[in-house]
Amino acid sequence: MAYEVFKFIHILAVVFMAAPLYNLVVVHERRRLGKATFLVDRYFENIIKGAAIRCYVYQFTAVITGLLLLPLGGFPWSDLIGNPILLLKLILLLSLMGLLSIVHFRLQPAIEALLNEVKGDEIPEGIAKQIAPIRLRRTRLASICLFIVITTVLLGLQITSRFGPLITAILILIAGLFSWRVYRTGVRSGWF
């Protein structure tokens, strides 16, 4: 029973880590507006900024429940290193945390500092030009994070029932293409 409960919490935490997808959707919605007022820009920025702490909580939940699932599922602790899928999942999750830390501790504060200089309803051209490359870097990192989340889910499914290497490779390729598409165009109609 404990195994099933922790497995549910683990899967739920991973589902809630879908923030990169929705942050990319927000980025594309902001672009569709064209030149937005400061309040609209601030609103979108608050949505993106607010996701970081939630993501840390979900990521730590996934790590903790994943570690608890080892002994509860009858796996020895040595499988964390000896099982290449478990090891890769752990490395990907730690990479995800590292990328989130870059966004949360470096990029977002730089954007916030520039937005704090705005006086009035319009973002001055000079500030907009300084923010643009930082936002582009954050958007690129979000697409990488999305790819990592999808790949982690794919690997998680293979802990108990393995896919063949060809199917795994194809699904990882599809995950990469989907992440690239969301980065480039957004997904206004879900998968399409």
N, C-alpha and C. Protein backbone atom coordinates (compact mmCIF):
# COMPACT_ATOMS: atom_id res chain seq x y z
N MET A 1 0.82 -1.20 0.00
CA MET A 1 0.00 0.00 0.00
C MET A 1 0.86 1.25 0.00
N ALA A 2 1.90 1.30 0.83
CA ALA A 2 2.78 2.47 0.87
C ALA A 2 3.42 2.70 -0.48
N TYR A 3 3.80 1.62 -1.17
CA TYR A 3 4.42 1.74 -2.49
C TYR A 3 3.48 2.47 -3.46
N GLU A 4 2.22 2.07 -3.48
CA GLU A 4 1.25 2.68 -4.39
C GLU A 4 1.02 4.15 -4.07
N VAL A 5 0.97 4.48 -2.78
CA VAL A 5 0.76 5.88 -2.38
C VAL A 5 1.94 6.74 -2.83
N PHE A 6 3.17 6.26 -2.56
CA PHE A 6 4.34 7.04 -2.95
C PHE A 6 4.50 7.10 -4.47
N LYS A 7 4.11 6.03 -5.15
CA LYS A 7 4.16 6.05 -6.61
C LYS A 7 3.19 7.09 -7.16
N PHE A 8 1.99 7.16 -6.59
CA PHE A 8 1.02 8.17 -7.00
C PHE A 8 1.57 9.58 -6.77
N ILE A 9 2.12 9.83 -5.60
CA ILE A 9 2.67 11.15 -5.28
C ILE A 9 3.84 11.47 -6.21
N HIS A 10 4.66 10.48 -6.49
CA HIS A 10 5.80 10.65 -7.40
C HIS A 10 5.33 11.05 -8.80
N ILE A 11 4.36 10.32 -9.32
CA ILE A 11 3.84 10.62 -10.66
C ILE A 11 3.16 11.98 -10.68
N LEU A 12 2.40 12.28 -9.65
CA LEU A 12 1.72 13.57 -9.57
C LEU A 12 2.73 14.72 -9.54
N ALA A 13 3.81 14.57 -8.79
CA ALA A 13 4.85 15.61 -8.75
C ALA A 13 5.44 15.83 -10.14
N VAL A 14 5.67 14.75 -10.87
CA VAL A 14 6.22 14.89 -12.22
C VAL A 14 5.21 15.58 -13.15
N VAL A 15 3.95 15.23 -13.02
CA VAL A 15 2.91 15.89 -13.83
C VAL A 15 2.90 17.39 -13.53
N PHE A 16 3.02 17.76 -12.27
CA PHE A 16 2.99 19.16 -11.89
C PHE A 16 4.25 19.90 -12.33
N MET A 17 5.28 19.17 -12.74
CA MET A 17 6.49 19.82 -13.24
C MET A 17 6.32 20.24 -14.70
N ALA A 18 5.11 20.32 -15.19
CA ALA A 18 4.85 20.73 -16.57
C ALA A 18 5.00 22.24 -16.75
N ALA A 19 5.51 22.93 -15.77
CA ALA A 19 5.68 24.38 -15.86
C ALA A 19 6.44 24.83 -17.10
N PRO A 20 7.49 24.12 -17.55
CA PRO A 20 8.17 24.59 -18.75
C PRO A 20 7.24 24.70 -19.95
N LEU A 21 6.34 23.74 -20.11
CA LEU A 21 5.39 23.80 -21.21
C LEU A 21 4.51 25.04 -21.09
N TYR A 22 3.94 25.25 -19.92
CA TYR A 22 3.02 26.37 -19.76
C TYR A 22 3.74 27.71 -19.74
N ASN A 23 4.97 27.75 -19.29
CA ASN A 23 5.73 29.00 -19.38
C ASN A 23 6.02 29.34 -20.83
N LEU A 24 6.29 28.33 -21.65
CA LEU A 24 6.49 28.59 -23.07
C LEU A 24 5.20 29.07 -23.73
N VAL A 25 4.07 28.52 -23.31
CA VAL A 25 2.79 28.99 -23.82
C VAL A 25 2.59 30.46 -23.44
N VAL A 26 2.90 30.82 -22.21
CA VAL A 26 2.78 32.21 -21.76
C VAL A 26 3.67 33.12 -22.59
N VAL A 27 4.90 32.69 -22.85
CA VAL A 27 5.83 33.49 -23.65
C VAL A 27 5.24 33.76 -25.03
N HIS A 28 4.67 32.75 -25.65
CA HIS A 28 4.10 32.94 -26.99
C HIS A 28 2.83 33.79 -26.95
N GLU A 29 2.05 33.68 -25.90
CA GLU A 29 0.87 34.54 -25.77
C GLU A 29 1.28 36.01 -25.62
N ARG A 30 2.34 36.25 -24.85
CA ARG A 30 2.82 37.62 -24.70
C ARG A 30 3.28 38.16 -26.04
N ARG A 31 3.99 37.34 -26.82
CA ARG A 31 4.46 37.78 -28.14
C ARG A 31 3.29 38.12 -29.06
N ARG A 32 2.21 37.36 -28.97
CA ARG A 32 1.05 37.63 -29.82
C ARG A 32 0.44 39.00 -29.54
N LEU A 33 0.62 39.48 -28.33
CA LEU A 33 0.06 40.79 -27.99
C LEU A 33 0.82 41.94 -28.64
N GLY A 34 2.05 41.67 -29.08
CA GLY A 34 2.88 42.74 -29.62
C GLY A 34 3.41 43.57 -28.47
N LYS A 35 3.55 44.85 -28.68
CA LYS A 35 4.07 45.72 -27.63
C LYS A 35 2.98 45.91 -26.58
N ALA A 36 3.23 45.36 -25.41
CA ALA A 36 2.25 45.39 -24.33
C ALA A 36 2.57 46.51 -23.35
N THR A 37 1.56 46.93 -22.61
CA THR A 37 1.80 47.91 -21.55
C THR A 37 2.62 47.25 -20.45
N PHE A 38 3.17 48.06 -19.59
CA PHE A 38 3.99 47.55 -18.51
C PHE A 38 3.18 46.61 -17.61
N LEU A 39 1.93 46.98 -17.31
CA LEU A 39 1.11 46.13 -16.43
C LEU A 39 0.85 44.75 -17.02
N VAL A 40 0.61 44.70 -18.32
CA VAL A 40 0.39 43.41 -18.98
C VAL A 40 1.69 42.60 -18.95
N ASP A 41 2.80 43.25 -19.26
CA ASP A 41 4.09 42.58 -19.23
C ASP A 41 4.41 42.08 -17.83
N ARG A 42 4.13 42.91 -16.83
CA ARG A 42 4.37 42.54 -15.44
C ARG A 42 3.51 41.33 -15.04
N TYR A 43 2.27 41.31 -15.52
CA TYR A 43 1.37 40.20 -15.24
C TYR A 43 1.95 38.89 -15.77
N PHE A 44 2.36 38.88 -17.04
CA PHE A 44 2.95 37.68 -17.62
C PHE A 44 4.24 37.29 -16.90
N GLU A 45 5.03 38.27 -16.54
CA GLU A 45 6.30 37.99 -15.85
C GLU A 45 6.03 37.37 -14.48
N ASN A 46 5.00 37.83 -13.79
CA ASN A 46 4.67 37.27 -12.48
C ASN A 46 4.23 35.81 -12.59
N ILE A 47 3.54 35.47 -13.67
CA ILE A 47 3.14 34.07 -13.88
C ILE A 47 4.39 33.20 -14.01
N ILE A 48 5.32 33.63 -14.82
CA ILE A 48 6.54 32.85 -15.05
C ILE A 48 7.38 32.80 -13.78
N LYS A 49 7.56 33.94 -13.14
CA LYS A 49 8.39 34.01 -11.94
C LYS A 49 7.84 33.13 -10.82
N GLY A 50 6.53 33.11 -10.67
CA GLY A 50 5.90 32.36 -9.59
C GLY A 50 6.02 30.86 -9.72
N ALA A 51 6.34 30.37 -10.90
CA ALA A 51 6.42 28.93 -11.11
C ALA A 51 7.68 28.31 -10.50
N ALA A 52 8.71 29.08 -10.28
CA ALA A 52 10.00 28.52 -9.84
C ALA A 52 9.90 27.80 -8.50
N ILE A 53 9.34 28.43 -7.51
CA ILE A 53 9.25 27.81 -6.18
C ILE A 53 8.40 26.55 -6.24
N ARG A 54 7.28 26.63 -6.96
CA ARG A 54 6.44 25.43 -7.12
C ARG A 54 7.23 24.30 -7.77
N CYS A 55 8.02 24.64 -8.78
CA CYS A 55 8.81 23.61 -9.46
C CYS A 55 9.83 22.98 -8.52
N TYR A 56 10.48 23.80 -7.69
CA TYR A 56 11.42 23.22 -6.72
C TYR A 56 10.70 22.23 -5.79
N VAL A 57 9.53 22.60 -5.33
CA VAL A 57 8.78 21.71 -4.43
C VAL A 57 8.45 20.40 -5.14
N TYR A 58 7.98 20.48 -6.38
CA TYR A 58 7.63 19.27 -7.12
C TYR A 58 8.88 18.44 -7.43
N GLN A 59 9.98 19.11 -7.76
CA GLN A 59 11.21 18.38 -8.05
C GLN A 59 11.73 17.65 -6.81
N PHE A 60 11.75 18.33 -5.67
CA PHE A 60 12.19 17.68 -4.44
C PHE A 60 11.24 16.54 -4.06
N THR A 61 9.95 16.73 -4.29
CA THR A 61 8.99 15.66 -4.03
C THR A 61 9.28 14.46 -4.91
N ALA A 62 9.59 14.71 -6.18
CA ALA A 62 9.91 13.60 -7.10
C ALA A 62 11.17 12.87 -6.65
N VAL A 63 12.19 13.60 -6.21
CA VAL A 63 13.42 12.96 -5.75
C VAL A 63 13.16 12.12 -4.50
N ILE A 64 12.49 12.72 -3.53
CA ILE A 64 12.26 12.01 -2.26
C ILE A 64 11.38 10.79 -2.47
N THR A 65 10.27 10.95 -3.19
CA THR A 65 9.39 9.79 -3.40
C THR A 65 10.07 8.75 -4.28
N GLY A 66 10.87 9.19 -5.25
CA GLY A 66 11.61 8.25 -6.07
C GLY A 66 12.57 7.42 -5.25
N LEU A 67 13.26 8.07 -4.32
CA LEU A 67 14.16 7.33 -3.44
C LEU A 67 13.40 6.38 -2.53
N LEU A 68 12.24 6.80 -2.04
CA LEU A 68 11.43 5.93 -1.19
C LEU A 68 10.86 4.74 -1.95
N LEU A 69 10.63 4.93 -3.25
CA LEU A 69 10.08 3.84 -4.05
C LEU A 69 11.07 2.69 -4.24
N LEU A 70 12.35 2.99 -4.15
CA LEU A 70 13.34 1.91 -4.30
C LEU A 70 13.12 0.80 -3.29
N PRO A 71 13.26 1.06 -1.99
CA PRO A 71 13.07 -0.05 -1.05
C PRO A 71 11.62 -0.55 -1.00
N LEU A 72 10.66 0.36 -1.17
CA LEU A 72 9.26 -0.08 -1.13
C LEU A 72 8.90 -0.97 -2.31
N GLY A 73 9.61 -0.78 -3.43
CA GLY A 73 9.36 -1.60 -4.62
C GLY A 73 10.22 -2.84 -4.69
N GLY A 74 11.02 -3.04 -3.65
CA GLY A 74 11.87 -4.23 -3.62
C GLY A 74 13.18 -4.07 -4.36
N PHE A 75 13.55 -2.83 -4.70
CA PHE A 75 14.81 -2.58 -5.39
C PHE A 75 15.89 -2.29 -4.36
N PRO A 76 17.08 -2.82 -4.55
CA PRO A 76 18.18 -2.47 -3.64
C PRO A 76 18.67 -1.05 -3.93
N TRP A 77 19.25 -0.40 -2.92
CA TRP A 77 19.78 0.96 -3.10
C TRP A 77 20.84 1.01 -4.19
N SER A 78 21.54 -0.10 -4.38
CA SER A 78 22.59 -0.14 -5.40
C SER A 78 22.02 0.05 -6.81
N ASP A 79 20.72 -0.21 -6.99
CA ASP A 79 20.10 0.01 -8.31
C ASP A 79 20.10 1.47 -8.72
N LEU A 80 20.21 2.36 -7.75
CA LEU A 80 20.25 3.79 -8.09
C LEU A 80 21.46 4.09 -8.98
N ILE A 81 22.53 3.35 -8.78
CA ILE A 81 23.73 3.52 -9.59
C ILE A 81 23.82 2.40 -10.64
N GLY A 82 23.45 1.19 -10.26
CA GLY A 82 23.60 0.04 -11.14
C GLY A 82 22.58 -0.05 -12.26
N ASN A 83 21.40 0.51 -12.06
CA ASN A 83 20.36 0.49 -13.08
C ASN A 83 20.50 1.75 -13.93
N PRO A 84 20.89 1.61 -15.20
CA PRO A 84 21.15 2.81 -16.02
C PRO A 84 19.93 3.73 -16.16
N ILE A 85 18.74 3.16 -16.16
CA ILE A 85 17.53 4.00 -16.29
C ILE A 85 17.33 4.83 -15.02
N LEU A 86 17.47 4.21 -13.86
CA LEU A 86 17.33 4.96 -12.61
C LEU A 86 18.41 6.03 -12.49
N LEU A 87 19.62 5.67 -12.86
CA LEU A 87 20.73 6.63 -12.79
C LEU A 87 20.48 7.81 -13.74
N LEU A 88 20.04 7.52 -14.96
CA LEU A 88 19.76 8.59 -15.92
C LEU A 88 18.61 9.46 -15.44
N LYS A 89 17.57 8.84 -14.88
CA LYS A 89 16.46 9.62 -14.32
C LYS A 89 16.95 10.58 -13.24
N LEU A 90 17.80 10.09 -12.36
CA LEU A 90 18.34 10.93 -11.29
C LEU A 90 19.19 12.07 -11.87
N ILE A 91 20.04 11.75 -12.82
CA ILE A 91 20.88 12.78 -13.45
C ILE A 91 20.02 13.83 -14.15
N LEU A 92 18.99 13.38 -14.85
CA LEU A 92 18.11 14.33 -15.54
C LEU A 92 17.36 15.22 -14.55
N LEU A 93 16.90 14.63 -13.46
CA LEU A 93 16.18 15.43 -12.46
C LEU A 93 17.12 16.44 -11.80
N LEU A 94 18.33 16.03 -11.50
CA LEU A 94 19.30 16.98 -10.94
C LEU A 94 19.67 18.06 -11.96
N SER A 95 19.74 17.70 -13.23
CA SER A 95 19.99 18.69 -14.29
C SER A 95 18.84 19.69 -14.37
N LEU A 96 17.63 19.17 -14.24
CA LEU A 96 16.45 20.03 -14.25
C LEU A 96 16.51 21.04 -13.10
N MET A 97 16.90 20.56 -11.94
CA MET A 97 17.03 21.46 -10.79
C MET A 97 18.12 22.50 -11.05
N GLY A 98 19.20 22.10 -11.68
CA GLY A 98 20.27 23.04 -12.00
C GLY A 98 19.82 24.11 -12.98
N LEU A 99 19.09 23.71 -14.01
CA LEU A 99 18.58 24.68 -14.98
C LEU A 99 17.58 25.64 -14.34
N LEU A 100 16.72 25.10 -13.48
CA LEU A 100 15.78 25.95 -12.76
C LEU A 100 16.53 26.95 -11.89
N SER A 101 17.61 26.52 -11.29
CA SER A 101 18.40 27.42 -10.45
C SER A 101 19.02 28.54 -11.26
N ILE A 102 19.47 28.24 -12.48
CA ILE A 102 20.01 29.30 -13.35
C ILE A 102 18.93 30.33 -13.63
N VAL A 103 17.73 29.85 -13.95
CA VAL A 103 16.63 30.77 -14.24
C VAL A 103 16.26 31.57 -12.99
N HIS A 104 16.09 30.86 -11.88
CA HIS A 104 15.57 31.50 -10.66
C HIS A 104 16.58 32.45 -10.01
N PHE A 105 17.85 32.09 -10.02
CA PHE A 105 18.84 32.88 -9.30
C PHE A 105 19.65 33.84 -10.19
N ARG A 106 19.64 33.63 -11.51
CA ARG A 106 20.40 34.52 -12.38
C ARG A 106 19.52 35.31 -13.35
N LEU A 107 18.74 34.59 -14.16
CA LEU A 107 18.01 35.26 -15.23
C LEU A 107 16.82 36.06 -14.71
N GLN A 108 16.02 35.45 -13.85
CA GLN A 108 14.83 36.16 -13.35
C GLN A 108 15.21 37.42 -12.57
N PRO A 109 16.20 37.37 -11.68
CA PRO A 109 16.59 38.62 -10.99
C PRO A 109 17.08 39.70 -11.96
N ALA A 110 17.73 39.31 -13.04
CA ALA A 110 18.17 40.30 -14.02
C ALA A 110 16.97 40.96 -14.70
N ILE A 111 15.97 40.16 -15.04
CA ILE A 111 14.75 40.71 -15.64
C ILE A 111 14.03 41.61 -14.64
N GLU A 112 13.92 41.14 -13.40
CA GLU A 112 13.23 41.93 -12.37
C GLU A 112 13.93 43.27 -12.15
N ALA A 113 15.25 43.27 -12.11
CA ALA A 113 16.00 44.52 -11.91
C ALA A 113 15.71 45.51 -13.03
N LEU A 114 15.66 45.01 -14.25
CA LEU A 114 15.36 45.90 -15.38
C LEU A 114 13.92 46.40 -15.32
N LEU A 115 12.98 45.53 -14.98
CA LEU A 115 11.58 45.95 -14.90
C LEU A 115 11.36 46.95 -13.76
N ASN A 116 12.16 46.85 -12.71
CA ASN A 116 12.03 47.80 -11.61
C ASN A 116 12.45 49.21 -12.00
N GLU A 117 13.17 49.34 -13.10
CA GLU A 117 13.57 50.67 -13.59
C GLU A 117 12.47 51.36 -14.39
N VAL A 118 11.42 50.61 -14.75
CA VAL A 118 10.35 51.17 -15.58
C VAL A 118 9.52 52.14 -14.75
N LYS A 119 9.32 53.31 -15.32
CA LYS A 119 8.45 54.33 -14.73
C LYS A 119 7.34 54.61 -15.74
N GLY A 120 6.11 54.46 -15.32
CA GLY A 120 5.00 54.72 -16.22
C GLY A 120 4.41 53.44 -16.79
N ASP A 121 3.61 53.62 -17.85
CA ASP A 121 2.86 52.52 -18.42
C ASP A 121 3.58 51.80 -19.56
N GLU A 122 4.60 52.37 -20.10
CA GLU A 122 5.31 51.77 -21.23
C GLU A 122 6.73 51.39 -20.82
N ILE A 123 7.20 50.29 -21.38
CA ILE A 123 8.58 49.87 -21.15
C ILE A 123 9.45 50.61 -22.16
N PRO A 124 10.41 51.41 -21.70
CA PRO A 124 11.27 52.14 -22.63
C PRO A 124 12.04 51.18 -23.55
N GLU A 125 12.30 51.62 -24.75
CA GLU A 125 12.98 50.80 -25.75
C GLU A 125 14.32 50.26 -25.26
N GLY A 126 15.07 51.09 -24.55
CA GLY A 126 16.37 50.66 -24.04
C GLY A 126 16.27 49.49 -23.08
N ILE A 127 15.29 49.56 -22.18
CA ILE A 127 15.09 48.46 -21.23
C ILE A 127 14.57 47.22 -21.95
N ALA A 128 13.66 47.41 -22.90
CA ALA A 128 13.12 46.28 -23.67
C ALA A 128 14.24 45.55 -24.40
N LYS A 129 15.18 46.29 -24.96
CA LYS A 129 16.30 45.67 -25.69
C LYS A 129 17.24 44.92 -24.75
N GLN A 130 17.35 45.36 -23.51
CA GLN A 130 18.18 44.65 -22.53
C GLN A 130 17.49 43.38 -22.02
N ILE A 131 16.17 43.45 -21.89
CA ILE A 131 15.42 42.29 -21.38
C ILE A 131 15.31 41.19 -22.42
N ALA A 132 15.19 41.55 -23.68
CA ALA A 132 14.93 40.57 -24.75
C ALA A 132 15.92 39.40 -24.77
N PRO A 133 17.25 39.63 -24.73
CA PRO A 133 18.15 38.46 -24.77
C PRO A 133 18.07 37.60 -23.51
N ILE A 134 17.76 38.20 -22.38
CA ILE A 134 17.62 37.43 -21.14
C ILE A 134 16.38 36.54 -21.23
N ARG A 135 15.30 37.10 -21.74
CA ARG A 135 14.08 36.31 -21.91
C ARG A 135 14.28 35.20 -22.94
N LEU A 136 15.03 35.48 -23.99
CA LEU A 136 15.30 34.46 -24.99
C LEU A 136 16.09 33.30 -24.37
N ARG A 137 17.07 33.62 -23.56
CA ARG A 137 17.85 32.57 -22.87
C ARG A 137 16.94 31.77 -21.96
N ARG A 138 16.05 32.45 -21.22
CA ARG A 138 15.12 31.75 -20.33
C ARG A 138 14.17 30.86 -21.13
N THR A 139 13.73 31.32 -22.28
CA THR A 139 12.84 30.54 -23.13
C THR A 139 13.55 29.28 -23.64
N ARG A 140 14.80 29.45 -24.05
CA ARG A 140 15.58 28.28 -24.51
C ARG A 140 15.74 27.26 -23.39
N LEU A 141 16.05 27.74 -22.20
CA LEU A 141 16.20 26.83 -21.06
C LEU A 141 14.88 26.13 -20.74
N ALA A 142 13.76 26.84 -20.89
CA ALA A 142 12.45 26.22 -20.64
C ALA A 142 12.20 25.09 -21.62
N SER A 143 12.61 25.26 -22.88
CA SER A 143 12.39 24.19 -23.86
C SER A 143 13.28 22.99 -23.54
N ILE A 144 14.49 23.23 -23.06
CA ILE A 144 15.36 22.13 -22.63
C ILE A 144 14.74 21.42 -21.43
N CYS A 145 14.22 22.21 -20.49
CA CYS A 145 13.56 21.62 -19.32
C CYS A 145 12.35 20.77 -19.72
N LEU A 146 11.59 21.25 -20.67
CA LEU A 146 10.44 20.49 -21.15
C LEU A 146 10.90 19.15 -21.72
N PHE A 147 11.94 19.17 -22.52
CA PHE A 147 12.48 17.93 -23.07
C PHE A 147 12.93 16.99 -21.96
N ILE A 148 13.58 17.53 -20.94
CA ILE A 148 14.05 16.70 -19.83
C ILE A 148 12.87 16.09 -19.07
N VAL A 149 11.83 16.88 -18.83
CA VAL A 149 10.64 16.35 -18.12
C VAL A 149 10.01 15.21 -18.92
N ILE A 150 9.84 15.40 -20.22
CA ILE A 150 9.24 14.36 -21.06
C ILE A 150 10.11 13.11 -21.05
N THR A 151 11.42 13.30 -21.18
CA THR A 151 12.34 12.16 -21.19
C THR A 151 12.33 11.43 -19.84
N THR A 152 12.23 12.20 -18.76
CA THR A 152 12.17 11.59 -17.43
C THR A 152 10.91 10.75 -17.27
N VAL A 153 9.80 11.24 -17.78
CA VAL A 153 8.55 10.45 -17.73
C VAL A 153 8.72 9.17 -18.55
N LEU A 154 9.30 9.30 -19.73
CA LEU A 154 9.52 8.13 -20.57
C LEU A 154 10.39 7.10 -19.86
N LEU A 155 11.45 7.55 -19.22
CA LEU A 155 12.32 6.63 -18.50
C LEU A 155 11.62 6.04 -17.27
N GLY A 156 10.80 6.85 -16.61
CA GLY A 156 10.07 6.36 -15.45
C GLY A 156 9.15 5.21 -15.80
N LEU A 157 8.56 5.27 -16.98
CA LEU A 157 7.70 4.17 -17.41
C LEU A 157 8.49 2.88 -17.62
N GLN A 158 9.78 3.02 -17.88
CA GLN A 158 10.60 1.85 -18.20
C GLN A 158 11.27 1.22 -16.98
N ILE A 159 10.97 1.72 -15.81
CA ILE A 159 11.53 1.12 -14.60
C ILE A 159 11.01 -0.30 -14.43
N THR A 160 9.72 -0.48 -14.68
CA THR A 160 9.14 -1.81 -14.47
C THR A 160 8.86 -2.56 -15.78
N SER A 161 8.66 -1.84 -16.88
CA SER A 161 8.45 -2.51 -18.17
C SER A 161 9.20 -1.75 -19.25
N ARG A 162 10.24 -2.37 -19.75
CA ARG A 162 11.13 -1.71 -20.71
C ARG A 162 10.55 -1.67 -22.11
N PHE A 163 10.84 -0.55 -22.78
CA PHE A 163 10.55 -0.44 -24.21
C PHE A 163 11.81 -0.92 -24.92
N GLY A 164 11.70 -1.26 -26.17
CA GLY A 164 12.89 -1.59 -26.93
C GLY A 164 13.71 -0.33 -27.18
N PRO A 165 15.00 -0.49 -27.48
CA PRO A 165 15.85 0.68 -27.73
C PRO A 165 15.36 1.54 -28.90
N LEU A 166 14.82 0.91 -29.95
CA LEU A 166 14.34 1.68 -31.10
C LEU A 166 13.13 2.53 -30.71
N ILE A 167 12.18 1.94 -30.00
CA ILE A 167 10.99 2.69 -29.56
C ILE A 167 11.41 3.82 -28.62
N THR A 168 12.33 3.53 -27.71
CA THR A 168 12.81 4.56 -26.78
C THR A 168 13.45 5.71 -27.56
N ALA A 169 14.29 5.39 -28.52
CA ALA A 169 14.95 6.42 -29.33
C ALA A 169 13.94 7.25 -30.11
N ILE A 170 12.94 6.59 -30.68
CA ILE A 170 11.91 7.30 -31.44
C ILE A 170 11.12 8.23 -30.52
N LEU A 171 10.75 7.74 -29.34
CA LEU A 171 9.99 8.57 -28.40
C LEU A 171 10.82 9.75 -27.89
N ILE A 172 12.10 9.54 -27.68
CA ILE A 172 12.97 10.66 -27.26
C ILE A 172 13.09 11.68 -28.40
N LEU A 173 13.19 11.19 -29.63
CA LEU A 173 13.23 12.09 -30.78
C LEU A 173 11.94 12.91 -30.87
N ILE A 174 10.81 12.24 -30.69
CA ILE A 174 9.52 12.94 -30.72
C ILE A 174 9.45 13.97 -29.58
N ALA A 175 9.97 13.61 -28.40
CA ALA A 175 10.00 14.56 -27.28
C ALA A 175 10.83 15.78 -27.65
N GLY A 176 11.96 15.55 -28.30
CA GLY A 176 12.80 16.66 -28.73
C GLY A 176 12.11 17.54 -29.76
N LEU A 177 11.45 16.90 -30.73
CA LEU A 177 10.74 17.67 -31.76
C LEU A 177 9.59 18.47 -31.16
N PHE A 178 8.87 17.85 -30.24
CA PHE A 178 7.77 18.57 -29.59
C PHE A 178 8.30 19.76 -28.79
N SER A 179 9.37 19.55 -28.04
CA SER A 179 9.96 20.64 -27.25
C SER A 179 10.43 21.77 -28.15
N TRP A 180 11.03 21.42 -29.28
CA TRP A 180 11.49 22.43 -30.25
C TRP A 180 10.29 23.19 -30.81
N ARG A 181 9.23 22.46 -31.13
CA ARG A 181 8.04 23.12 -31.69
C ARG A 181 7.42 24.09 -30.69
N VAL A 182 7.33 23.67 -29.44
CA VAL A 182 6.77 24.55 -28.42
C VAL A 182 7.66 25.79 -28.26
N TYR A 183 8.96 25.60 -28.33
CA TYR A 183 9.90 26.73 -28.25
C TYR A 183 9.69 27.69 -29.42
N ARG A 184 9.52 27.16 -30.62
CA ARG A 184 9.43 27.99 -31.81
C ARG A 184 8.06 28.62 -32.01
N THR A 185 7.00 27.88 -31.74
CA THR A 185 5.69 28.38 -32.15
C THR A 185 4.63 28.37 -31.06
N GLY A 186 4.85 27.69 -29.98
CA GLY A 186 3.77 27.52 -29.00
C GLY A 186 2.84 26.42 -29.48
N VAL A 187 1.92 26.05 -28.67
CA VAL A 187 0.97 25.00 -29.04
C VAL A 187 -0.43 25.50 -28.72
N ARG A 188 -0.98 26.17 -29.68
CA ARG A 188 -2.31 26.77 -29.49
C ARG A 188 -3.40 25.72 -29.42
N SER A 189 -3.20 24.57 -30.06
CA SER A 189 -4.23 23.54 -30.11
C SER A 189 -3.74 22.23 -29.52
N GLY A 190 -3.04 22.31 -28.41
CA GLY A 190 -2.54 21.08 -27.79
C GLY A 190 -1.40 20.48 -28.60
N TRP A 191 -1.53 19.24 -29.00
CA TRP A 191 -0.48 18.55 -29.74
C TRP A 191 -0.24 19.17 -31.11
N PHE A 192 -1.23 19.82 -31.67
CA PHE A 192 -1.17 20.28 -33.07
C PHE A 192 -0.64 21.68 -33.18
